[in-house]
Amino acid sequence: MSARRPRSGTGGARERRRRGEELTGWLFVSPAVIVLAVFLLFPVLMAAWVSVSDWSGVGSPLSGSVGFVGADNYAELVQGGLATRDFGIALRNNLWYVLLVVPAQTLLSLLLAVLVNQQVMARGAFRTAFYFPSVTSSVAITVLWLFLFSASGAVNRVLSHVGVHGPNWFHDPTGIVAAGLSRLGVDGSRTLTARFLDVTAWEWLSGPSFAMTAFIVMAVFTTSGTFMLIFLSALQSLSPSVDEAAMIDGANAWTRLWRVTVPQLKPTFFTVITLGLIGCWQVFDQIYTGTQGDPGKTTLTPAYLSYQAAFSNQKWGRGSAIAFVLFAIIILFTLLQRWVLRDRDGARARRAERRRVRRARRRRGEAPAATAVEEAVR
C-alpha cells in the first residue's frame, strides 16, 4: 500500500498539471473563439432562424411579431412558379460554371506550378506574372472583361482574324452546347421537355450561355495563380529521390509527372478542388458588377439570387433558404470529391490492421475493447 501512494500522488499531480495546461490553452484561444462566435456563429444561427420565419426585414428577427413558418420558405423553391424556375435556372448556370471552372483551373494551376518549378531564367518574374491576376480587384477584372468581350471588343477582333464571327458575348443568352448542336441541325427543345425545378432537360443540357462562358474564362484566369502557389509549395516539399529513381528506370518526363508526382499530390488536389468548389458555388461579385443575371437570367447564380430575393424583393426568408440550400450543396460536393480522392490503399491497410489486432485479441481470449494500437490505426 505504501508503495502505491507516491504513484497515486504523482498521478494526481500529473492530472492537475494537465488540467492547468488545458485551462491555459482555452484562455489563449478564447479571444478568437469569442470573435468567431459573435461574427460567425451568431449570424449563421440568425440566418437559420430567418429561413424558417416570416421576418419582413423590419425590426429585429427575434421580436415577438416574427412568426415561425417552418419549411415554407424552402417549399417555395420547389413547389413551382417563378421562384422555382429562377432557382432552377440559377442552379443550372452555376452547375455548368462549376463543371467547367474547377477542372480547368486545377489542371492549369498544376501546369503553371510544374513550369515555374523548373530551373529557368526569370523564374521569379514568371511566378509574379501568373499570380498577379489573383490579387487584382475582381471588380476591375470584371470591367476589363466587359470591355474585352463586347461585340466590338478585342476578343471578337482576334476571332475575326481567324475567320470566326464572334458572338455578342454579354447579350446572347444562347447556350454554347445548343449553339454548337444547332450548326449540326440538332434541336432538342421539342423533344427534351421533361422538367426539373421548372427547367426543361434541354435547358439543363444546352450549356452555359456565351455570357457565362466569358465569366468562366475569367474565373480560370484569376484563380489559377493562387492555386499555382499551393501546388508549387507541394512540389517543392516532395523528395527528389523518387523522381530520380523513376528517371533511372527510364521513365520520361510525362510518365514521371503522371505516375510519380501526381499521386504524391493527392492531399494538395483535395485542398485545391475543395477551395475551387466553394469559390465557384459562391460566385457573386462578378455577376453583381457585370450582368446582374442578364441576358435572360443565364448568368443568374444562387448566391446572387439569394441577394436579389432578400435585398431587392424583401423576401428575407426565401433569401436565407437559398443560402442554406447552397451551403448544403457545397457540403455535398465536398464530401463527394473527398470520397473520390480518398486514399484507397491506406484505407484498406488500416482495415486490415484493425482486423489483425482483433484476431490477435480473440486468440489471447481478451475483451474486444479498443486498444491503443487500434486507436492509432483509426
Protein backbone atom coordinates (compact mmCIF):
# COMPACT_ATOMS: atom_id res chain seq x y z
CA MET A 1 0.00 0.00 0.00
CA SER A 2 2.79 2.39 0.92
CA ALA A 3 4.47 1.70 -2.44
CA ARG A 4 1.40 2.83 -4.32
CA ARG A 5 0.91 6.17 -2.58
CA PRO A 6 3.73 8.05 -4.31
CA ARG A 7 2.46 6.68 -7.60
CA SER A 8 -1.04 7.92 -6.78
CA GLY A 9 0.29 11.28 -5.70
CA THR A 10 2.35 11.54 -8.86
CA GLY A 11 -0.70 10.67 -10.93
CA GLY A 12 -2.78 13.33 -9.17
CA ALA A 13 -0.13 15.96 -9.76
CA ARG A 14 0.10 14.95 -13.38
CA GLU A 15 -3.68 15.23 -13.75
CA ARG A 16 -3.73 18.68 -12.12
CA ARG A 17 -0.92 19.81 -14.41
CA ARG A 18 -2.80 18.54 -17.45
CA ARG A 19 -5.96 20.39 -16.42
CA GLY A 20 -3.94 23.55 -15.83
CA GLU A 21 -2.44 23.28 -19.32
CA GLU A 22 -5.92 22.80 -20.82
CA LEU A 23 -7.21 25.85 -18.98
CA THR A 24 -4.23 27.91 -20.14
CA GLY A 25 -4.84 26.79 -23.72
CA TRP A 26 -8.50 27.80 -23.55
CA LEU A 27 -7.54 31.19 -22.13
CA PHE A 28 -5.19 31.78 -25.05
CA VAL A 29 -7.73 30.80 -27.73
CA SER A 30 -10.74 32.42 -26.02
CA PRO A 31 -10.40 35.78 -27.85
CA ALA A 32 -10.50 34.03 -31.23
CA VAL A 33 -13.40 31.82 -30.11
CA ILE A 34 -15.37 34.84 -28.91
CA VAL A 35 -14.77 36.72 -32.18
CA LEU A 36 -15.85 33.69 -34.24
CA ALA A 37 -18.95 33.22 -32.09
CA VAL A 38 -20.00 36.87 -32.35
CA PHE A 39 -19.23 37.46 -36.01
CA LEU A 40 -19.74 33.98 -37.49
CA LEU A 41 -21.74 31.57 -35.35
CA PHE A 42 -24.37 34.04 -34.18
CA PRO A 43 -25.08 35.45 -37.69
CA VAL A 44 -25.36 31.89 -39.07
CA LEU A 45 -27.85 30.94 -36.38
CA MET A 46 -29.76 34.18 -37.00
CA ALA A 47 -29.92 33.42 -40.74
CA ALA A 48 -31.13 29.89 -39.97
CA TRP A 49 -33.99 31.37 -37.91
CA VAL A 50 -34.83 33.85 -40.68
CA SER A 51 -35.05 30.98 -43.19
CA VAL A 52 -37.86 29.37 -41.17
CA SER A 53 -39.67 32.58 -40.17
CA ASP A 54 -41.78 35.28 -41.80
CA TRP A 55 -39.43 38.17 -40.97
CA SER A 56 -40.07 41.12 -43.28
CA GLY A 57 -36.76 42.86 -42.78
CA VAL A 58 -38.23 45.45 -40.39
CA GLY A 59 -37.21 45.37 -36.76
CA SER A 60 -35.44 42.52 -35.03
CA PRO A 61 -35.84 38.94 -36.29
CA LEU A 62 -36.11 37.91 -32.63
CA SER A 63 -39.08 40.15 -31.85
CA GLY A 64 -42.40 38.64 -30.85
CA SER A 65 -44.08 39.77 -34.09
CA VAL A 66 -41.95 37.38 -36.16
CA GLY A 67 -43.64 34.02 -36.60
CA PHE A 68 -42.36 30.54 -37.29
CA VAL A 69 -43.37 29.22 -40.74
CA GLY A 70 -41.37 26.01 -40.81
CA ALA A 71 -40.20 24.87 -44.23
CA ASP A 72 -42.50 27.22 -46.19
CA ASN A 73 -39.60 29.32 -47.48
CA TYR A 74 -37.82 26.18 -48.66
CA ALA A 75 -41.03 24.83 -50.23
CA GLU A 76 -41.34 27.97 -52.38
CA LEU A 77 -38.12 26.91 -54.13
CA VAL A 78 -39.51 23.55 -55.31
CA GLN A 79 -43.30 23.78 -55.46
CA GLY A 80 -43.47 25.53 -58.83
CA GLY A 81 -43.89 29.06 -60.11
CA LEU A 82 -41.46 31.85 -60.87
CA ALA A 83 -39.44 31.35 -57.68
CA THR A 84 -38.87 27.69 -58.53
CA ARG A 85 -37.89 28.44 -62.13
CA ASP A 86 -35.46 31.17 -61.08
CA PHE A 87 -33.91 28.80 -58.55
CA GLY A 88 -33.64 26.04 -61.17
CA ILE A 89 -32.06 28.37 -63.72
CA ALA A 90 -29.59 29.63 -61.12
CA LEU A 91 -28.61 26.06 -60.23
CA ARG A 92 -28.26 25.17 -63.91
CA ASN A 93 -25.99 28.17 -64.57
CA ASN A 94 -23.85 27.56 -61.50
CA LEU A 95 -23.56 23.82 -62.15
CA TRP A 96 -22.10 24.44 -65.60
CA TYR A 97 -19.82 27.05 -64.05
CA VAL A 98 -18.52 24.53 -61.51
CA LEU A 99 -18.12 21.68 -64.00
CA LEU A 100 -16.01 23.82 -66.32
CA VAL A 101 -14.08 26.06 -63.94
CA VAL A 102 -12.91 23.57 -61.28
CA PRO A 103 -11.20 21.07 -63.64
CA ALA A 104 -9.76 23.84 -65.84
CA GLN A 105 -8.30 25.90 -63.01
CA THR A 106 -6.93 22.80 -61.26
CA LEU A 107 -5.13 21.48 -64.34
CA LEU A 108 -3.88 24.91 -65.40
CA SER A 109 -2.58 25.72 -61.92
CA LEU A 110 -0.77 22.36 -61.78
CA LEU A 111 0.78 23.02 -65.21
CA LEU A 112 1.91 26.50 -64.17
CA ALA A 113 3.37 25.14 -60.93
CA VAL A 114 5.35 22.50 -62.81
CA LEU A 115 6.64 25.12 -65.25
CA VAL A 116 7.77 27.65 -62.63
CA ASN A 117 9.30 24.87 -60.54
CA GLN A 118 11.90 24.32 -63.27
CA GLN A 119 15.32 25.94 -63.25
CA VAL A 120 14.58 28.60 -65.89
CA MET A 121 15.68 32.17 -66.36
CA ALA A 122 13.49 34.85 -64.71
CA ARG A 123 11.55 32.23 -62.77
CA GLY A 124 10.51 34.78 -60.15
CA ALA A 125 9.15 37.11 -62.80
CA PHE A 126 7.01 34.33 -64.26
CA ARG A 127 5.66 33.43 -60.82
CA THR A 128 4.72 37.05 -60.20
CA ALA A 129 3.09 37.40 -63.62
CA PHE A 130 1.00 34.25 -63.18
CA TYR A 131 -0.06 35.23 -59.67
CA PHE A 132 -0.80 38.89 -60.37
CA PRO A 133 -4.41 38.38 -61.66
CA SER A 134 -5.29 36.70 -58.36
CA VAL A 135 -4.55 39.85 -56.34
CA THR A 136 -6.27 42.22 -58.75
CA SER A 137 -9.71 43.50 -57.72
CA SER A 138 -12.48 41.31 -59.08
CA VAL A 139 -14.47 44.45 -59.90
CA ALA A 140 -11.60 45.78 -62.02
CA ILE A 141 -11.19 42.42 -63.78
CA THR A 142 -14.94 42.28 -64.47
CA VAL A 143 -14.95 45.77 -66.01
CA LEU A 144 -11.96 44.77 -68.14
CA TRP A 145 -13.75 41.60 -69.23
CA LEU A 146 -16.86 43.56 -70.22
CA PHE A 147 -14.65 45.64 -72.50
CA LEU A 148 -12.68 42.70 -73.95
CA PHE A 149 -15.79 40.59 -74.65
CA SER A 150 -18.01 43.34 -76.02
CA ALA A 151 -19.40 42.97 -79.54
CA SER A 152 -16.57 45.10 -80.96
CA GLY A 153 -14.02 44.15 -78.30
CA ALA A 154 -10.56 42.69 -78.58
CA VAL A 155 -11.69 39.05 -78.34
CA ASN A 156 -14.06 39.29 -81.32
CA ARG A 157 -11.41 41.16 -83.31
CA VAL A 158 -8.91 38.38 -82.71
CA LEU A 159 -11.53 35.81 -83.70
CA SER A 160 -12.30 37.73 -86.89
CA HIS A 161 -8.67 37.41 -87.96
CA VAL A 162 -9.05 33.61 -87.99
CA GLY A 163 -12.38 33.73 -89.83
CA VAL A 164 -14.68 33.36 -86.82
CA HIS A 165 -17.57 35.74 -86.30
CA GLY A 166 -17.67 36.22 -82.53
CA PRO A 167 -20.97 36.45 -80.66
CA ASN A 168 -22.30 39.40 -78.74
CA TRP A 169 -20.99 37.80 -75.58
CA PHE A 170 -22.82 39.59 -72.79
CA HIS A 171 -26.09 39.98 -74.71
CA ASP A 172 -26.54 36.46 -76.16
CA PRO A 173 -28.49 34.04 -73.90
CA THR A 174 -27.83 31.05 -76.20
CA GLY A 175 -26.09 28.10 -74.59
CA ILE A 176 -22.80 27.15 -76.21
CA VAL A 177 -23.77 23.46 -76.43
CA ALA A 178 -27.11 24.36 -78.04
CA ALA A 179 -25.37 26.75 -80.43
CA GLY A 180 -22.90 24.06 -81.47
CA LEU A 181 -25.63 21.46 -81.99
CA SER A 182 -27.78 23.91 -83.95
CA ARG A 183 -24.98 24.20 -86.51
CA LEU A 184 -25.31 20.44 -86.96
CA GLY A 185 -29.09 20.73 -87.32
CA VAL A 186 -29.86 19.32 -83.86
CA ASP A 187 -32.54 20.96 -81.74
CA GLY A 188 -33.75 19.15 -78.64
CA SER A 189 -36.11 21.85 -77.40
CA ARG A 190 -39.12 19.95 -78.73
CA THR A 191 -38.15 16.50 -77.52
CA LEU A 192 -36.30 17.04 -74.23
CA THR A 193 -39.22 18.66 -72.43
CA ALA A 194 -39.05 16.85 -69.06
CA ARG A 195 -38.79 19.40 -66.28
CA PHE A 196 -36.82 19.60 -63.06
CA LEU A 197 -37.34 22.73 -60.96
CA ASP A 198 -39.41 24.11 -63.86
CA VAL A 199 -36.38 23.95 -66.17
CA THR A 200 -36.56 21.60 -69.17
CA ALA A 201 -33.99 18.91 -69.81
CA TRP A 202 -32.90 20.73 -72.97
CA GLU A 203 -32.23 23.88 -70.95
CA TRP A 204 -30.17 21.86 -68.46
CA LEU A 205 -28.11 20.35 -71.30
CA SER A 206 -27.78 23.43 -73.51
CA GLY A 207 -24.64 24.51 -71.71
CA PRO A 208 -23.63 27.87 -70.26
CA SER A 209 -24.56 30.96 -72.22
CA PHE A 210 -21.91 32.96 -74.04
CA ALA A 211 -22.02 35.48 -71.19
CA MET A 212 -21.45 32.79 -68.55
CA THR A 213 -18.69 31.31 -70.72
CA ALA A 214 -16.87 34.65 -70.58
CA PHE A 215 -17.18 34.58 -66.77
CA ILE A 216 -15.85 31.00 -66.76
CA VAL A 217 -12.75 32.10 -68.69
CA MET A 218 -12.32 34.99 -66.27
CA ALA A 219 -12.56 32.71 -63.24
CA VAL A 220 -9.89 30.38 -64.61
CA PHE A 221 -7.68 33.37 -65.45
CA THR A 222 -7.96 34.96 -62.00
CA THR A 223 -7.79 31.90 -59.72
CA SER A 224 -5.13 29.71 -61.35
CA GLY A 225 -2.32 31.86 -59.91
CA THR A 226 -3.42 31.27 -56.32
CA PHE A 227 -3.71 27.52 -56.76
CA MET A 228 -0.38 27.55 -58.62
CA LEU A 229 1.31 28.66 -55.40
CA ILE A 230 -0.36 25.82 -53.46
CA PHE A 231 0.83 23.25 -55.99
CA LEU A 232 4.27 24.86 -56.12
CA SER A 233 4.64 24.58 -52.35
CA ALA A 234 3.64 20.91 -52.53
CA LEU A 235 6.05 20.19 -55.39
CA GLN A 236 8.95 21.73 -53.51
CA SER A 237 8.20 19.59 -50.45
CA LEU A 238 8.45 16.31 -52.40
CA SER A 239 11.58 14.23 -52.07
CA PRO A 240 13.56 14.22 -55.34
CA SER A 241 14.77 10.65 -54.74
CA VAL A 242 11.55 9.08 -56.04
CA ASP A 243 11.65 11.12 -59.24
CA GLU A 244 15.34 10.31 -59.69
CA ALA A 245 14.63 6.59 -59.25
CA ALA A 246 11.94 6.77 -61.93
CA MET A 247 14.38 8.59 -64.22
CA ILE A 248 16.97 5.87 -63.73
CA ASP A 249 14.33 3.29 -64.63
CA GLY A 250 13.86 5.08 -67.96
CA ALA A 251 10.61 6.98 -67.32
CA ASN A 252 10.19 10.08 -69.46
CA ALA A 253 9.06 13.47 -68.15
CA TRP A 254 5.34 12.86 -68.80
CA THR A 255 5.41 9.42 -67.14
CA ARG A 256 7.23 10.80 -64.11
CA LEU A 257 4.69 13.61 -63.78
CA TRP A 258 1.62 11.42 -64.22
CA ARG A 259 2.79 8.25 -62.45
CA VAL A 260 5.12 9.60 -59.78
CA THR A 261 4.44 13.25 -58.98
CA VAL A 262 0.66 13.49 -59.29
CA PRO A 263 -0.11 10.56 -56.91
CA GLN A 264 2.00 12.27 -54.24
CA LEU A 265 -0.05 15.45 -54.67
CA LYS A 266 -3.39 13.86 -53.76
CA PRO A 267 -3.79 15.86 -50.49
CA THR A 268 -3.00 19.04 -52.43
CA PHE A 269 -5.58 18.15 -55.07
CA PHE A 270 -8.14 17.72 -52.30
CA THR A 271 -7.35 21.20 -50.95
CA VAL A 272 -7.38 22.88 -54.36
CA ILE A 273 -10.59 21.21 -55.51
CA THR A 274 -12.35 21.95 -52.21
CA LEU A 275 -11.41 25.63 -52.36
CA GLY A 276 -12.40 25.72 -56.03
CA LEU A 277 -15.82 24.21 -55.32
CA ILE A 278 -16.51 26.64 -52.50
CA GLY A 279 -15.44 29.64 -54.60
CA CYS A 280 -17.40 28.55 -57.68
CA TRP A 281 -20.65 27.91 -55.83
CA GLN A 282 -20.35 31.28 -54.09
CA VAL A 283 -19.71 33.35 -57.23
CA PHE A 284 -21.40 36.72 -56.72
CA ASP A 285 -19.30 39.85 -57.24
CA GLN A 286 -18.66 39.24 -60.95
CA ILE A 287 -22.38 38.78 -61.56
CA TYR A 288 -23.34 41.80 -59.46
CA THR A 289 -20.78 44.05 -61.15
CA GLY A 290 -21.11 42.69 -64.66
CA THR A 291 -24.54 41.45 -65.76
CA GLN A 292 -26.81 41.14 -62.69
CA GLY A 293 -28.16 37.88 -64.10
CA ASP A 294 -28.69 39.03 -67.69
CA PRO A 295 -29.03 38.18 -70.52
CA GLY A 296 -32.23 36.23 -69.96
CA LYS A 297 -31.13 35.15 -66.46
CA THR A 298 -28.38 33.00 -68.00
CA THR A 299 -25.76 34.40 -65.59
CA LEU A 300 -28.01 34.18 -62.55
CA THR A 301 -26.39 32.24 -59.70
CA PRO A 302 -27.81 31.02 -56.36
CA ALA A 303 -25.64 33.49 -54.43
CA TYR A 304 -26.89 36.43 -56.49
CA LEU A 305 -30.45 35.07 -56.41
CA SER A 306 -30.26 34.94 -52.60
CA TYR A 307 -29.12 38.58 -52.51
CA GLN A 308 -31.81 39.60 -55.01
CA ALA A 309 -34.59 37.82 -53.10
CA ALA A 310 -33.60 39.36 -49.76
CA PHE A 311 -32.39 42.86 -50.57
CA SER A 312 -34.33 43.67 -53.76
CA ASN A 313 -37.60 41.77 -53.27
CA GLN A 314 -37.63 41.88 -49.43
CA LYS A 315 -38.14 38.11 -49.31
CA TRP A 316 -35.72 37.60 -46.47
CA GLY A 317 -36.88 34.12 -45.58
CA ARG A 318 -36.53 32.92 -49.16
CA GLY A 319 -33.11 34.53 -49.49
CA SER A 320 -31.88 32.79 -46.35
CA ALA A 321 -33.36 29.49 -47.50
CA ILE A 322 -31.45 29.74 -50.80
CA ALA A 323 -28.26 30.44 -48.86
CA PHE A 324 -28.68 27.32 -46.73
CA VAL A 325 -29.54 25.16 -49.74
CA LEU A 326 -26.35 26.47 -51.33
CA PHE A 327 -24.46 25.57 -48.15
CA ALA A 328 -25.83 22.01 -48.33
CA ILE A 329 -24.79 21.74 -52.00
CA ILE A 330 -21.24 22.83 -51.17
CA ILE A 331 -21.03 20.26 -48.36
CA LEU A 332 -22.38 17.54 -50.66
CA PHE A 333 -19.88 18.27 -53.44
CA THR A 334 -17.03 18.46 -50.92
CA LEU A 335 -17.91 15.06 -49.45
CA LEU A 336 -18.27 13.60 -52.95
CA GLN A 337 -14.84 14.72 -54.10
CA ARG A 338 -13.35 13.61 -50.76
CA TRP A 339 -14.78 10.14 -51.41
CA VAL A 340 -13.41 10.13 -54.96
CA LEU A 341 -9.92 11.24 -53.85
CA ARG A 342 -9.75 9.05 -50.75
CA ASP A 343 -6.62 7.00 -50.12
CA ARG A 344 -7.96 3.55 -51.02
CA ASP A 345 -4.71 1.73 -50.32
CA GLY A 346 -4.30 3.41 -46.95
CA ALA A 347 -7.92 2.69 -46.00
CA ARG A 348 -7.52 -0.99 -46.92
CA ALA A 349 -4.30 -1.18 -44.92
CA ARG A 350 -5.96 0.39 -41.87
CA ARG A 351 -8.92 -2.01 -42.09
CA ALA A 352 -6.55 -4.98 -42.43
CA GLU A 353 -4.56 -3.82 -39.40
CA ARG A 354 -7.74 -3.47 -37.31
CA ARG A 355 -8.81 -6.99 -38.30
CA ARG A 356 -5.37 -8.34 -37.40
CA VAL A 357 -5.49 -6.71 -33.96
CA ARG A 358 -8.99 -8.06 -33.27
CA ARG A 359 -7.97 -11.59 -34.31
CA ALA A 360 -4.89 -11.42 -32.09
CA ARG A 361 -7.01 -10.34 -29.12
CA ARG A 362 -9.53 -13.13 -29.73
CA ARG A 363 -6.74 -15.71 -29.81
CA ARG A 364 -5.50 -14.39 -26.48
CA GLY A 365 -9.06 -14.51 -25.12
CA GLU A 366 -9.05 -10.82 -24.22
CA ALA A 367 -12.02 -8.48 -24.18
CA PRO A 368 -12.84 -6.83 -27.55
CA ALA A 369 -12.25 -3.33 -26.18
CA ALA A 370 -10.26 -0.98 -28.44
CA THR A 371 -6.56 -0.96 -27.68
CA ALA A 372 -4.13 1.87 -28.12
CA VAL A 373 -2.93 0.21 -31.33
CA GLU A 374 -6.46 0.17 -32.71
CA GLU A 375 -6.97 3.79 -31.76
CA ALA A 376 -3.75 4.74 -33.52
CA VAL A 377 -4.80 2.79 -36.63
CA ARG A 378 -8.12 4.62 -36.69
